[in-house]
């Protein structure tokens, strides 16, 4: 990691943003040209949602990766969070515009389908975090900014739960995501316990 971290320090944050917005463009092109299978909208929703969850988990993992493995991604933590919300928004828009299409059906789905209710709750929790992920908000909110951004823990749990509830039958992949989320949150709780003990 001592050899790898200097390269990360030289990598500009804008390059991470650029790399992050390219996959959705590629997936949209693949969907429009018939390269996402027989159900391109469903495949596109899944890819965007799973990528959002992966980025949220990566954001949670930044501190443990530095503490236990020596990998320093702190410079990119905000970019990772913003990109996660970007993917989440794209996931939501694909569902609204390409999948449901009927405005009256949107609210009915949110109320009647628990996995959509959970997913929407996670999106709404993460919305203020995305809106305040800038230097102005950090200065304006002061200590309250850090408290507000602790909502990400609940948001990630809801995202993982949304995935578990979404799949049909027993599938191991969503459970792996939930296990990783639980492990990262446990590490966070252990860190807080040590601080209080000290």
Protein backbone atom coordinates (compact mmCIF):
# COMPACT_ATOMS: atom_id res chain seq x y z
CA UNK A 1 0.00 0.00 0.00
CA UNK A 2 2.95 2.32 0.60
CA UNK A 3 3.71 2.06 -3.10
CA UNK A 4 0.08 2.32 -4.19
CA UNK A 5 -1.04 5.30 -2.09
CA UNK A 6 1.33 7.82 -3.77
CA UNK A 7 -0.37 7.06 -7.10
CA UNK A 8 -3.76 7.66 -5.50
CA UNK A 9 -2.58 11.02 -4.17
CA UNK A 10 -1.64 12.04 -7.72
CA UNK A 11 -4.97 10.94 -9.18
CA UNK A 12 -7.27 13.99 -9.56
CA UNK A 13 -10.77 13.73 -8.11
CA UNK A 14 -12.30 14.82 -11.42
CA UNK A 15 -10.92 11.64 -13.00
CA UNK A 16 -12.95 9.58 -10.51
CA UNK A 17 -16.10 11.51 -11.41
CA UNK A 18 -15.40 11.04 -15.11
CA UNK A 19 -14.81 7.32 -14.73
CA UNK A 20 -17.95 7.07 -12.61
CA UNK A 21 -20.34 8.58 -15.16
CA UNK A 22 -19.13 6.45 -18.08
CA UNK A 23 -20.75 3.08 -17.15
CA UNK A 24 -24.35 4.41 -17.17
CA UNK A 25 -23.75 5.95 -20.59
CA UNK A 26 -22.43 2.60 -21.83
CA UNK A 27 -25.34 0.69 -20.29
CA UNK A 28 -27.89 3.06 -21.83
CA UNK A 29 -26.27 2.56 -25.22
CA UNK A 30 -26.27 -1.21 -24.72
CA UNK A 31 -29.95 -1.13 -23.76
CA UNK A 32 -30.86 1.01 -26.77
CA UNK A 33 -28.99 -1.32 -29.14
CA UNK A 34 -30.32 -4.60 -27.77
CA UNK A 35 -27.20 -5.65 -25.90
CA UNK A 36 -28.81 -5.99 -22.46
CA UNK A 37 -30.85 -9.11 -23.14
CA UNK A 38 -34.55 -9.62 -23.64
CA UNK A 39 -35.51 -7.26 -20.78
CA UNK A 40 -33.17 -4.28 -21.20
CA UNK A 41 -35.07 -1.96 -18.84
CA UNK A 42 -34.98 -4.50 -16.01
CA UNK A 43 -31.29 -5.19 -16.68
CA UNK A 44 -30.52 -1.46 -16.69
CA UNK A 45 -32.39 -0.94 -13.41
CA UNK A 46 -30.46 -3.80 -11.82
CA UNK A 47 -27.05 -2.60 -13.01
CA UNK A 48 -27.64 0.95 -11.80
CA UNK A 49 -29.08 -0.14 -8.45
CA UNK A 50 -26.32 -2.65 -7.76
CA UNK A 51 -23.61 -0.13 -8.71
CA UNK A 52 -25.19 2.43 -6.35
CA UNK A 53 -25.16 -0.09 -3.51
CA UNK A 54 -21.55 -1.04 -4.24
CA UNK A 55 -20.48 2.60 -4.14
CA UNK A 56 -22.36 3.20 -0.88
CA UNK A 57 -20.58 0.21 0.64
CA UNK A 58 -17.25 1.45 -0.69
CA UNK A 59 -17.93 4.81 0.96
CA UNK A 60 -18.51 3.03 4.27
CA UNK A 61 -15.33 1.02 3.77
CA UNK A 62 -13.00 4.00 3.22
CA UNK A 63 -12.06 4.37 6.90
CA UNK A 64 -11.65 0.62 7.62
CA UNK A 65 -9.56 0.19 4.47
CA UNK A 66 -7.21 2.91 5.68
CA UNK A 67 -7.09 1.64 9.26
CA UNK A 68 -6.65 -2.08 8.61
CA UNK A 69 -5.10 -2.30 5.13
CA UNK A 70 -3.36 1.05 4.79
CA UNK A 71 -5.27 1.91 1.60
CA UNK A 72 -6.00 5.65 1.67
CA UNK A 73 -9.12 6.61 -0.30
CA UNK A 74 -10.09 9.54 1.93
CA UNK A 75 -9.44 12.00 -0.89
CA UNK A 76 -12.18 10.34 -2.94
CA UNK A 77 -14.80 9.67 -0.24
CA UNK A 78 -17.02 12.60 -1.24
CA UNK A 79 -16.79 11.68 -4.92
CA UNK A 80 -17.72 8.09 -4.09
CA UNK A 81 -20.79 9.28 -2.16
CA UNK A 82 -21.89 11.69 -4.89
CA UNK A 83 -21.48 9.03 -7.56
CA UNK A 84 -23.45 6.56 -5.45
CA UNK A 85 -26.34 9.02 -5.32
CA UNK A 86 -25.99 9.68 -9.06
CA UNK A 87 -26.38 5.96 -9.77
CA UNK A 88 -29.27 5.77 -7.32
CA UNK A 89 -31.02 8.68 -9.06
CA UNK A 90 -30.49 7.05 -12.45
CA UNK A 91 -31.88 3.80 -11.04
CA UNK A 92 -34.97 5.66 -9.83
CA UNK A 93 -35.42 7.54 -13.12
CA UNK A 94 -35.22 4.37 -15.18
CA UNK A 95 -37.92 2.86 -12.98
CA UNK A 96 -40.11 5.99 -13.19
CA UNK A 97 -39.67 6.93 -16.85
CA UNK A 98 -38.93 3.68 -18.65
CA UNK A 99 -40.54 1.04 -16.44
CA UNK A 100 -43.67 2.40 -14.73
CA UNK A 101 -44.38 5.31 -17.13
CA UNK A 102 -47.88 5.83 -15.68
CA UNK A 103 -47.74 8.57 -12.98
CA UNK A 104 -50.78 7.21 -11.12
CA UNK A 105 -49.08 3.82 -10.81
CA UNK A 106 -45.95 5.23 -9.12
CA UNK A 107 -47.58 6.00 -5.77
CA UNK A 108 -49.54 2.74 -5.88
CA UNK A 109 -46.29 0.77 -6.32
CA UNK A 110 -44.58 2.66 -3.50
CA UNK A 111 -47.44 1.87 -1.12
CA UNK A 112 -48.23 -1.70 -2.17
CA UNK A 113 -44.76 -3.12 -2.80
CA UNK A 114 -42.64 -3.20 0.38
CA UNK A 115 -39.31 -3.43 -1.46
CA UNK A 116 -40.14 -0.23 -3.34
CA UNK A 117 -41.24 1.45 -0.10
CA UNK A 118 -37.91 0.56 1.51
CA UNK A 119 -35.93 1.66 -1.54
CA UNK A 120 -37.74 4.99 -1.73
CA UNK A 121 -37.16 5.58 1.98
CA UNK A 122 -33.45 5.00 1.45
CA UNK A 123 -33.41 7.45 -1.47
CA UNK A 124 -35.16 10.15 0.55
CA UNK A 125 -32.73 9.68 3.45
CA UNK A 126 -29.74 10.05 1.14
CA UNK A 127 -31.14 13.08 -0.70
CA UNK A 128 -30.14 15.68 1.95
CA UNK A 129 -26.68 14.09 2.13
CA UNK A 130 -26.20 14.55 -1.61
CA UNK A 131 -27.46 18.14 -1.45
CA UNK A 132 -25.02 19.01 1.34
CA UNK A 133 -21.96 17.25 -0.11
CA UNK A 134 -20.16 20.51 -0.81
CA UNK A 135 -17.77 22.81 1.04
CA UNK A 136 -20.40 25.54 1.48
CA UNK A 137 -22.72 23.17 3.35
CA UNK A 138 -19.86 21.89 5.52
CA UNK A 139 -19.07 25.47 6.60
CA UNK A 140 -22.72 26.46 6.95
CA UNK A 141 -23.82 23.47 9.03
CA UNK A 142 -20.69 23.15 11.14
CA UNK A 143 -20.86 20.19 13.58
CA UNK A 144 -24.42 19.43 12.42
CA UNK A 145 -23.03 18.39 9.03
CA UNK A 146 -21.33 15.31 10.48
CA UNK A 147 -24.49 14.36 12.41
CA UNK A 148 -26.60 14.74 9.27
CA UNK A 149 -24.29 12.55 7.23
CA UNK A 150 -24.61 9.71 9.71
CA UNK A 151 -27.90 9.05 7.92
CA UNK A 152 -25.78 7.23 5.34
CA UNK A 153 -25.64 4.22 7.69
CA UNK A 154 -29.43 3.90 7.66
CA UNK A 155 -29.51 4.59 3.92
CA UNK A 156 -27.06 1.81 3.14
CA UNK A 157 -28.97 -0.67 5.32
CA UNK A 158 -32.21 0.24 3.52
CA UNK A 159 -30.45 -0.16 0.16
CA UNK A 160 -29.22 -3.62 1.10
CA UNK A 161 -32.65 -4.58 2.44
CA UNK A 162 -34.26 -3.32 -0.78
CA UNK A 163 -32.03 -5.68 -2.75
CA UNK A 164 -32.78 -8.65 -0.48
CA UNK A 165 -36.55 -8.04 -0.75
CA UNK A 166 -36.39 -7.47 -4.49
CA UNK A 167 -34.98 -10.83 -5.58
CA UNK A 168 -37.23 -13.85 -5.96
CA UNK A 169 -36.35 -17.00 -4.08
CA UNK A 170 -33.13 -17.64 -2.20
CA UNK A 171 -30.14 -15.86 -3.73
CA UNK A 172 -26.78 -15.55 -2.04
CA UNK A 173 -25.58 -12.27 -3.64
CA UNK A 174 -27.95 -9.88 -1.78
CA UNK A 175 -27.13 -11.66 1.48
CA UNK A 176 -23.41 -11.15 0.85
CA UNK A 177 -24.03 -7.42 0.44
CA UNK A 178 -25.99 -7.33 3.70
CA UNK A 179 -23.23 -9.26 5.48
CA UNK A 180 -20.61 -6.75 4.27
CA UNK A 181 -22.79 -3.84 5.39
CA UNK A 182 -23.28 -5.45 8.82
CA UNK A 183 -19.53 -6.03 9.17
CA UNK A 184 -18.69 -2.42 8.28
CA UNK A 185 -21.29 -1.07 10.71
CA UNK A 186 -19.98 -3.37 13.42
CA UNK A 187 -16.48 -2.00 12.87
CA UNK A 188 -17.94 1.49 13.19
CA UNK A 189 -19.64 0.61 16.47
CA UNK A 190 -16.44 -0.91 17.83
CA UNK A 191 -14.58 2.28 16.98
CA UNK A 192 -17.16 4.41 18.83
CA UNK A 193 -17.04 2.07 21.85
CA UNK A 194 -13.27 2.42 22.04
CA UNK A 195 -13.55 6.21 21.88
CA UNK A 196 -16.08 6.26 24.71
CA UNK A 197 -13.94 3.88 26.78
CA UNK A 198 -10.90 6.10 26.30
